[in-house]
C-alpha atoms as a PDB file:
ATOM      1  CA  MET A   1     -36.766 -21.870  54.893  1.00  0.00           C
ATOM      2  CA  GLU A   2     -37.011 -23.939  51.719  1.00  0.00           C
ATOM      3  CA  TRP A   3     -38.271 -23.570  48.172  1.00  0.00           C
ATOM      4  CA  SER A   4     -37.948 -25.334  44.828  1.00  0.00           C
ATOM      5  CA  ASP A   5     -37.749 -23.536  41.481  1.00  0.00           C
ATOM      6  CA  GLU A   6     -36.410 -23.719  37.937  1.00  0.00           C
ATOM      7  CA  GLY A   7     -33.466 -21.516  37.084  1.00  0.00           C
ATOM      8  CA  VAL A   8     -30.763 -20.619  34.574  1.00  0.00           C
ATOM      9  CA  VAL A   9     -27.124 -20.594  35.650  1.00  0.00           C
ATOM     10  CA  LEU A  10     -25.607 -17.112  35.357  1.00  0.00           C
ATOM     11  CA  GLY A  11     -22.242 -17.918  36.899  1.00  0.00           C
ATOM     12  CA  VAL A  12     -20.333 -19.345  39.859  1.00  0.00           C
ATOM     13  CA  ARG A  13     -17.444 -18.316  42.058  1.00  0.00           C
ATOM     14  CA  ARG A  14     -15.252 -20.390  44.348  1.00  0.00           C
ATOM     15  CA  HIS A  15     -16.265 -20.819  47.964  1.00  0.00           C
ATOM     16  CA  GLY A  16     -13.841 -22.697  50.150  1.00  0.00           C
ATOM     17  CA  GLU A  17     -11.980 -25.764  48.942  1.00  0.00           C
ATOM     18  CA  THR A  18     -14.745 -27.710  47.215  1.00  0.00           C
ATOM     19  CA  SER A  19     -17.858 -25.532  47.046  1.00  0.00           C
ATOM     20  CA  VAL A  20     -19.060 -22.648  44.878  1.00  0.00           C
ATOM     21  CA  ILE A  21     -21.541 -19.816  45.170  1.00  0.00           C
ATOM     22  CA  LEU A  22     -24.068 -20.243  42.377  1.00  0.00           C
ATOM     23  CA  GLU A  23     -25.867 -17.271  40.848  1.00  0.00           C
ATOM     24  CA  ALA A  24     -29.039 -18.220  38.972  1.00  0.00           C
ATOM     25  CA  MET A  25     -32.018 -16.501  37.414  1.00  0.00           C
ATOM     26  CA  THR A  26     -35.023 -18.370  38.775  1.00  0.00           C
ATOM     27  CA  ARG A  27     -38.582 -18.295  37.531  1.00  0.00           C
ATOM     28  CA  ASP A  28     -40.347 -17.345  40.768  1.00  0.00           C
ATOM     29  CA  HIS A  29     -37.558 -16.094  43.048  1.00  0.00           C
ATOM     30  CA  GLY A  30     -35.612 -13.840  40.691  1.00  0.00           C
ATOM     31  CA  ARG A  31     -31.850 -13.580  40.614  1.00  0.00           C
ATOM     32  CA  HIS A  32     -30.737 -15.686  43.539  1.00  0.00           C
ATOM     33  CA  LEU A  33     -27.447 -16.829  45.059  1.00  0.00           C
ATOM     34  CA  GLY A  34     -26.629 -19.840  47.183  1.00  0.00           C
ATOM     35  CA  VAL A  35     -23.781 -22.179  48.118  1.00  0.00           C
ATOM     36  CA  VAL A  36     -23.483 -25.466  46.258  1.00  0.00           C
ATOM     37  CA  ARG A  37     -21.546 -27.975  48.341  1.00  0.00           C
ATOM     38  CA  GLY A  38     -19.142 -29.936  46.176  1.00  0.00           C
ATOM     39  CA  GLY A  39     -19.776 -27.575  43.284  1.00  0.00           C
ATOM     40  CA  ARG A  40     -16.207 -27.969  42.037  1.00  0.00           C
ATOM     41  CA  SER A  41     -16.562 -31.727  41.657  1.00  0.00           C
ATOM     42  CA  ARG A  42     -16.354 -33.448  38.267  1.00  0.00           C
ATOM     43  CA  GLN A  43     -19.997 -34.356  38.589  1.00  0.00           C
ATOM     44  CA  LEU A  44     -21.309 -30.840  39.193  1.00  0.00           C
ATOM     45  CA  GLN A  45     -18.916 -28.674  37.181  1.00  0.00           C
ATOM     46  CA  PRO A  46     -20.567 -29.515  33.820  1.00  0.00           C
ATOM     47  CA  VAL A  47     -23.974 -28.693  35.350  1.00  0.00           C
ATOM     48  CA  LEU A  48     -22.940 -25.332  36.805  1.00  0.00           C
ATOM     49  CA  GLN A  49     -22.031 -23.720  33.484  1.00  0.00           C
ATOM     50  CA  PRO A  50     -23.597 -20.401  32.357  1.00  0.00           C
ATOM     51  CA  GLY A  51     -26.689 -20.967  30.268  1.00  0.00           C
ATOM     52  CA  ASN A  52     -27.649 -24.346  31.693  1.00  0.00           C
ATOM     53  CA  ALA A  53     -31.227 -24.822  32.878  1.00  0.00           C
ATOM     54  CA  VAL A  54     -31.414 -26.405  36.329  1.00  0.00           C
ATOM     55  CA  GLN A  55     -33.872 -27.472  39.001  1.00  0.00           C
ATOM     56  CA  LEU A  56     -32.994 -25.850  42.318  1.00  0.00           C
ATOM     57  CA  VAL A  57     -33.879 -26.507  45.917  1.00  0.00           C
ATOM     58  CA  TRP A  58     -32.795 -23.667  48.205  1.00  0.00           C
ATOM     59  CA  ARG A  59     -32.557 -24.081  51.970  1.00  0.00           C
ATOM     60  CA  ALA A  60     -31.552 -21.684  54.740  1.00  0.00           C
ATOM     61  CA  ARG A  61     -32.315 -21.234  58.416  1.00  0.00           C
ATOM     62  CA  LEU A  62     -33.514 -17.674  57.791  1.00  0.00           C
ATOM     63  CA  ASP A  63     -34.719 -16.024  54.591  1.00  0.00           C
ATOM     64  CA  ALA A  64     -32.010 -13.342  54.846  1.00  0.00           C
ATOM     65  CA  HIS A  65     -29.212 -15.948  54.819  1.00  0.00           C
ATOM     66  CA  LEU A  66     -27.215 -16.889  51.721  1.00  0.00           C
ATOM     67  CA  GLY A  67     -28.440 -20.465  51.985  1.00  0.00           C
ATOM     68  CA  HIS A  68     -27.545 -23.599  50.071  1.00  0.00           C
ATOM     69  CA  PHE A  69     -28.648 -24.949  46.700  1.00  0.00           C
ATOM     70  CA  VAL A  70     -29.235 -28.539  45.708  1.00  0.00           C
ATOM     71  CA  VAL A  71     -28.921 -28.618  41.922  1.00  0.00           C
ATOM     72  CA  GLU A  72     -30.260 -30.989  39.279  1.00  0.00           C
ATOM     73  CA  ALA A  73     -29.650 -30.544  35.562  1.00  0.00           C
ATOM     74  CA  LEU A  74     -32.627 -29.916  33.311  1.00  0.00           C
ATOM     75  CA  SER A  75     -30.942 -28.861  30.058  1.00  0.00           C
ATOM     76  CA  LEU A  76     -27.187 -28.704  29.527  1.00  0.00           C
ATOM     77  CA  ASN A  77     -27.310 -25.856  27.020  1.00  0.00           C
ATOM     78  CA  ALA A  78     -23.706 -24.811  27.606  1.00  0.00           C
ATOM     79  CA  ALA A  79     -22.389 -27.788  25.643  1.00  0.00           C
ATOM     80  CA  ARG A  80     -24.079 -26.400  22.512  1.00  0.00           C
ATOM     81  CA  PHE A  81     -22.420 -23.012  22.936  1.00  0.00           C
ATOM     82  CA  LEU A  82     -18.792 -24.122  23.065  1.00  0.00           C
ATOM     83  CA  SER A  83     -18.280 -24.124  19.291  1.00  0.00           C
ATOM     84  CA  SER A  84     -19.897 -20.721  18.744  1.00  0.00           C
ATOM     85  CA  ARG A  85     -18.173 -17.510  19.761  1.00  0.00           C
ATOM     86  CA  LEU A  86     -21.427 -15.635  19.099  1.00  0.00           C
ATOM     87  CA  ALA A  87     -23.225 -17.857  21.616  1.00  0.00           C
ATOM     88  CA  LEU A  88     -20.472 -17.452  24.202  1.00  0.00           C
ATOM     89  CA  PHE A  89     -20.495 -13.668  23.864  1.00  0.00           C
ATOM     90  CA  ALA A  90     -24.289 -13.628  24.013  1.00  0.00           C
ATOM     91  CA  ILE A  91     -24.597 -15.680  27.204  1.00  0.00           C
ATOM     92  CA  SER A  92     -21.960 -13.481  28.840  1.00  0.00           C
ATOM     93  CA  HIS A  93     -23.912 -10.391  27.808  1.00  0.00           C
ATOM     94  CA  VAL A  94     -27.386 -11.519  28.851  1.00  0.00           C
ATOM     95  CA  ALA A  95     -26.024 -12.739  32.192  1.00  0.00           C
ATOM     96  CA  ALA A  96     -24.503  -9.294  32.782  1.00  0.00           C
ATOM     97  CA  LEU A  97     -27.846  -7.679  31.972  1.00  0.00           C
ATOM     98  CA  VAL A  98     -29.721  -9.933  34.384  1.00  0.00           C
ATOM     99  CA  ARG A  99     -27.279  -8.931  37.135  1.00  0.00           C
ATOM    100  CA  LEU A 100     -28.749  -5.426  36.924  1.00  0.00           C
ATOM    101  CA  LEU A 101     -31.934  -6.766  38.515  1.00  0.00           C
ATOM    102  CA  PRO A 102     -32.310  -6.532  42.289  1.00  0.00           C
ATOM    103  CA  GLU A 103     -31.472  -9.814  43.974  1.00  0.00           C
ATOM    104  CA  ARG A 104     -34.496 -12.004  44.819  1.00  0.00           C
ATOM    105  CA  ASP A 105     -36.906  -9.782  42.883  1.00  0.00           C
ATOM    106  CA  PRO A 106     -39.175 -12.053  40.760  1.00  0.00           C
ATOM    107  CA  HIS A 107     -39.292 -11.401  37.014  1.00  0.00           C
ATOM    108  CA  PRO A 108     -41.086 -14.441  35.528  1.00  0.00           C
ATOM    109  CA  THR A 109     -41.614 -12.766  32.141  1.00  0.00           C
ATOM    110  CA  LEU A 110     -37.904 -12.067  31.816  1.00  0.00           C
ATOM    111  CA  HIS A 111     -37.076 -15.616  32.911  1.00  0.00           C
ATOM    112  CA  ALA A 112     -39.286 -16.913  30.089  1.00  0.00           C
ATOM    113  CA  ALA A 113     -37.574 -14.559  27.618  1.00  0.00           C
ATOM    114  CA  LEU A 114     -34.182 -15.810  28.787  1.00  0.00           C
ATOM    115  CA  LEU A 115     -35.215 -19.414  28.090  1.00  0.00           C
ATOM    116  CA  GLN A 116     -36.283 -18.404  24.579  1.00  0.00           C
ATOM    117  CA  VAL A 117     -32.875 -16.848  23.961  1.00  0.00           C
ATOM    118  CA  LEU A 118     -31.088 -19.968  25.217  1.00  0.00           C
ATOM    119  CA  ASP A 119     -33.138 -22.189  22.909  1.00  0.00           C
ATOM    120  CA  VAL A 120     -31.732 -20.461  19.798  1.00  0.00           C
ATOM    121  CA  LEU A 121     -28.385 -19.173  21.002  1.00  0.00           C
ATOM    122  CA  ALA A 122     -26.379 -21.676  18.960  1.00  0.00           C
ATOM    123  CA  ASP A 123     -28.235 -20.656  15.769  1.00  0.00           C
ATOM    124  CA  PRO A 124     -26.537 -17.567  14.244  1.00  0.00           C
ATOM    125  CA  GLY A 125     -29.604 -16.929  12.100  1.00  0.00           C
ATOM    126  CA  LEU A 126     -31.987 -16.613  15.040  1.00  0.00           C
ATOM    127  CA  ALA A 127     -29.924 -15.636  18.074  1.00  0.00           C
ATOM    128  CA  PRO A 128     -29.184 -11.936  17.320  1.00  0.00           C
ATOM    129  CA  ALA A 129     -32.860 -11.026  16.919  1.00  0.00           C
ATOM    130  CA  LEU A 130     -33.790 -12.773  20.169  1.00  0.00           C
ATOM    131  CA  VAL A 131     -30.962 -11.036  22.049  1.00  0.00           C
ATOM    132  CA  ALA A 132     -32.152  -7.640  20.781  1.00  0.00           C
ATOM    133  CA  ARG A 133     -35.682  -8.455  21.910  1.00  0.00           C
ATOM    134  CA  PHE A 134     -34.288  -9.556  25.270  1.00  0.00           C
ATOM    135  CA  GLU A 135     -32.622  -6.157  25.624  1.00  0.00           C
ATOM    136  CA  LEU A 136     -35.991  -4.505  25.004  1.00  0.00           C
ATOM    137  CA  ALA A 137     -37.516  -6.759  27.656  1.00  0.00           C
ATOM    138  CA  MET A 138     -34.756  -5.757  30.081  1.00  0.00           C
ATOM    139  CA  LEU A 139     -35.522  -2.077  29.505  1.00  0.00           C
ATOM    140  CA  GLU A 140     -39.181  -2.811  30.244  1.00  0.00           C
ATOM    141  CA  GLU A 141     -38.422  -4.746  33.440  1.00  0.00           C
ATOM    142  CA  LEU A 142     -36.111  -1.980  34.666  1.00  0.00           C
ATOM    143  CA  GLY A 143     -38.815   0.645  34.157  1.00  0.00           C
ATOM    144  CA  PHE A 144     -37.514   2.184  30.910  1.00  0.00           C
ATOM    145  CA  GLY A 145     -39.635   0.353  28.356  1.00  0.00           C
ATOM    146  CA  LEU A 146     -40.094   1.817  24.886  1.00  0.00           C
ATOM    147  CA  ASP A 147     -43.602   2.576  23.602  1.00  0.00           C
ATOM    148  CA  LEU A 148     -43.719   1.066  20.134  1.00  0.00           C
ATOM    149  CA  SER A 149     -47.499   0.702  19.959  1.00  0.00           C
ATOM    150  CA  ALA A 150     -48.366   3.903  18.070  1.00  0.00           C
ATOM    151  CA  CYS A 151     -46.860   7.021  16.520  1.00  0.00           C
ATOM    152  CA  ALA A 152     -46.006   9.638  19.127  1.00  0.00           C
ATOM    153  CA  ALA A 153     -47.080  12.445  16.793  1.00  0.00           C
ATOM    154  CA  THR A 154     -50.231  11.096  15.099  1.00  0.00           C
ATOM    155  CA  GLY A 155     -51.368   8.043  17.058  1.00  0.00           C
ATOM    156  CA  GLU A 156     -51.160   5.894  13.918  1.00  0.00           C
ATOM    157  CA  THR A 157     -50.356   2.221  14.445  1.00  0.00           C
ATOM    158  CA  VAL A 158     -49.024   1.423  10.955  1.00  0.00           C
ATOM    159  CA  ASP A 159     -45.813   2.217   9.064  1.00  0.00           C
ATOM    160  CA  LEU A 160     -43.857   2.794  12.273  1.00  0.00           C
ATOM    161  CA  ILE A 161     -40.211   3.013  11.213  1.00  0.00           C
ATOM    162  CA  TYR A 162     -38.584   5.369  13.741  1.00  0.00           C
ATOM    163  CA  VAL A 163     -38.157   5.801  17.491  1.00  0.00           C
ATOM    164  CA  SER A 164     -37.752   9.192  19.116  1.00  0.00           C
ATOM    165  CA  PRO A 165     -34.473   9.238  21.089  1.00  0.00           C
ATOM    166  CA  LYS A 166     -36.019  11.751  23.444  1.00  0.00           C
ATOM    167  CA  SER A 167     -39.287  10.013  24.374  1.00  0.00           C
ATOM    168  CA  GLY A 168     -38.612   6.387  23.441  1.00  0.00           C
ATOM    169  CA  ARG A 169     -41.844   6.320  21.451  1.00  0.00           C
ATOM    170  CA  ALA A 170     -42.428   5.085  17.911  1.00  0.00           C
ATOM    171  CA  VAL A 171     -42.809   7.527  15.019  1.00  0.00           C
ATOM    172  CA  SER A 172     -44.464   6.818  11.662  1.00  0.00           C
ATOM    173  CA  ARG A 173     -42.759   7.243   8.307  1.00  0.00           C
ATOM    174  CA  LYS A 174     -44.865  10.288   7.380  1.00  0.00           C
ATOM    175  CA  ALA A 175     -44.574  12.067  10.738  1.00  0.00           C
ATOM    176  CA  GLY A 176     -40.860  11.407  11.014  1.00  0.00           C
ATOM    177  CA  ALA A 177     -39.847  12.303   7.470  1.00  0.00           C
ATOM    178  CA  PRO A 178     -38.761  15.895   8.262  1.00  0.00           C
ATOM    179  CA  TRP A 179     -36.585  14.697  11.156  1.00  0.00           C
ATOM    180  CA  GLY A 180     -35.464  11.284   9.883  1.00  0.00           C
ATOM    181  CA  GLY A 181     -31.806  12.074  10.488  1.00  0.00           C
ATOM    182  CA  LYS A 182     -32.454  12.734  14.164  1.00  0.00           C
ATOM    183  CA  LEU A 183     -34.605   9.668  14.818  1.00  0.00           C
ATOM    184  CA  LEU A 184     -33.527   6.086  15.495  1.00  0.00           C
ATOM    185  CA  PRO A 185     -34.498   3.433  12.919  1.00  0.00           C
ATOM    186  CA  LEU A 186     -37.096   0.937  14.169  1.00  0.00           C
ATOM    187  CA  PRO A 187     -36.649  -2.508  12.561  1.00  0.00           C
ATOM    188  CA  ALA A 188     -39.966  -4.174  11.766  1.00  0.00           C
ATOM    189  CA  PHE A 189     -39.043  -7.413  13.558  1.00  0.00           C
ATOM    190  CA  LEU A 190     -39.057  -5.589  16.911  1.00  0.00           C
ATOM    191  CA  LEU A 191     -42.760  -4.975  16.297  1.00  0.00           C
ATOM    192  CA  GLY A 192     -43.399  -8.695  16.002  1.00  0.00           C
ATOM    193  CA  THR A 193     -43.690  -8.886  12.227  1.00  0.00           C
ATOM    194  CA  ASP A 194     -43.015 -12.164  10.448  1.00  0.00           C
ATOM    195  CA  GLY A 195     -39.960 -12.848   8.351  1.00  0.00           C
ATOM    196  CA  MET A 196     -36.225 -13.016   8.976  1.00  0.00           C
ATOM    197  CA  PRO A 197     -34.567  -9.683   9.783  1.00  0.00           C
ATOM    198  CA  SER A 198     -31.742  -8.581   7.522  1.00  0.00           C
ATOM    199  CA  ALA A 199     -28.221  -7.810   8.709  1.00  0.00           C
ATOM    200  CA  SER A 200     -29.041  -4.098   8.594  1.00  0.00           C
ATOM    201  CA  ASP A 201     -32.202  -4.722  10.652  1.00  0.00           C
ATOM    202  CA  ILE A 202     -30.128  -6.457  13.342  1.00  0.00           C
ATOM    203  CA  ALA A 203     -27.561  -3.643  13.328  1.00  0.00           C
ATOM    204  CA  ASP A 204     -30.343  -1.040  13.668  1.00  0.00           C
ATOM    205  CA  ALA A 205     -31.924  -3.004  16.511  1.00  0.00           C
ATOM    206  CA  PHE A 206     -28.665  -3.141  18.456  1.00  0.00           C
ATOM    207  CA  ARG A 207     -28.084   0.587  17.902  1.00  0.00           C
ATOM    208  CA  LEU A 208     -31.590   1.289  19.174  1.00  0.00           C
ATOM    209  CA  THR A 209     -31.318  -0.805  22.324  1.00  0.00           C
ATOM    210  CA  GLN A 210     -27.772   0.397  23.014  1.00  0.00           C
ATOM    211  CA  TYR A 211     -28.868   4.022  22.972  1.00  0.00           C
ATOM    212  CA  PHE A 212     -31.504   3.511  25.654  1.00  0.00           C
ATOM    213  CA  LEU A 213     -29.480   1.021  27.684  1.00  0.00           C
ATOM    214  CA  GLU A 214     -26.582   3.485  27.883  1.00  0.00           C
ATOM    215  CA  ARG A 215     -28.753   6.527  28.562  1.00  0.00           C
ATOM    216  CA  ASP A 216     -31.265   5.096  31.028  1.00  0.00           C
ATOM    217  CA  VAL A 217     -29.556   2.107  32.637  1.00  0.00           C
ATOM    218  CA  PHE A 218     -25.774   2.208  32.531  1.00  0.00           C
ATOM    219  CA  ALA A 219     -24.865   5.913  32.566  1.00  0.00           C
ATOM    220  CA  PRO A 220     -26.995   6.689  35.668  1.00  0.00           C
ATOM    221  CA  ARG A 221     -25.186   3.870  37.478  1.00  0.00           C
ATOM    222  CA  GLY A 222     -21.785   5.188  36.407  1.00  0.00           C
ATOM    223  CA  ILE A 223     -20.946   2.002  34.498  1.00  0.00           C
ATOM    224  CA  VAL A 224     -20.458   1.046  30.856  1.00  0.00           C
ATOM    225  CA  LEU A 225     -22.013  -1.624  28.695  1.00  0.00           C
ATOM    226  CA  PRO A 226     -20.561  -5.105  29.371  1.00  0.00           C
ATOM    227  CA  PRO A 227     -17.594  -6.011  27.140  1.00  0.00           C
ATOM    228  CA  GLY A 228     -19.489  -9.076  25.982  1.00  0.00           C
ATOM    229  CA  ARG A 229     -22.053  -6.821  24.355  1.00  0.00           C
ATOM    230  CA  GLN A 230     -19.622  -5.165  21.959  1.00  0.00           C
ATOM    231  CA  ALA A 231     -17.991  -8.525  21.252  1.00  0.00           C
ATOM    232  CA  LEU A 232     -21.431  -9.923  20.439  1.00  0.00           C
ATOM    233  CA  VAL A 233     -22.272  -7.066  18.057  1.00  0.00           C
ATOM    234  CA  GLU A 234     -18.933  -7.511  16.290  1.00  0.00           C
ATOM    235  CA  ALA A 235     -19.452 -11.282  16.050  1.00  0.00           C
ATOM    236  CA  VAL A 236     -22.858 -10.700  14.456  1.00  0.00           C
ATOM    237  CA  ALA A 237     -21.425  -8.201  11.987  1.00  0.00           C
ATOM    238  CA  VAL A 238     -18.463 -10.426  11.064  1.00  0.00           C
ATOM    239  CA  PRO A 239     -19.470 -14.086  11.534  1.00  0.00           C
ATOM    240  CA  GLY A 240     -16.810 -16.542  12.542  1.00  0.00           C
ATOM    241  CA  PRO A 241     -15.767 -19.473  10.322  1.00  0.00           C
ATOM    242  CA  GLU A 242     -18.216 -21.788  12.111  1.00  0.00           C
ATOM    243  CA  HIS A 243     -21.082 -19.692  10.711  1.00  0.00           C
ATOM    244  CA  ARG A 244     -19.845 -19.266   7.140  1.00  0.00           C
ATOM    245  CA  GLY A 245     -20.489 -21.259   4.073  1.00  0.00           C
END
């Protein structure tokens, strides 16, 4: 068995004296693992860092086997993340989210969304919004997508500013006014509107996605949100010195 695909490094773990087991999110073969011979070498260690984009060739005698990867660097994104704690927390968090996907289950749309996140992860002005959108995409891929297309009560498609915590559907300003305190704020940027989201918009977006991630994804599995997620939210709320001034 053999295939070639593009992927993003999620992480590695030691395997024997000189090799590692690489976990990558590939475009056409989903989250996939394989042994990289010599993966602990000086040549390959910089390539096998979380967030790097790589070209992979996977080979195994049978499809059910772990198999081996041959790896070639495409984009060494990890080097851009080292000076940003926000970026480091974010890559840890998105990698943990991707690990919720069944192994070898293709998710090309999510792979494309992951590449978009990586492109801006070192930019504190753009990264938080893309991570929040990635969380929405994860909910969709896992079968718990929110319906933000129209008001749940009236069918209106404009002035949508709330989400019902019960149904996961959008609610308009007028329809939601009597119950505003019980609804979740819906930041406009999650609807694809132009313009930079404010700090409060980002905070509302993370509260929104956290509610549904905890309720529909993590709690049923008996697990909690990854530590990197809370660290990311705190880093966004209180930027480090590298993002000030």
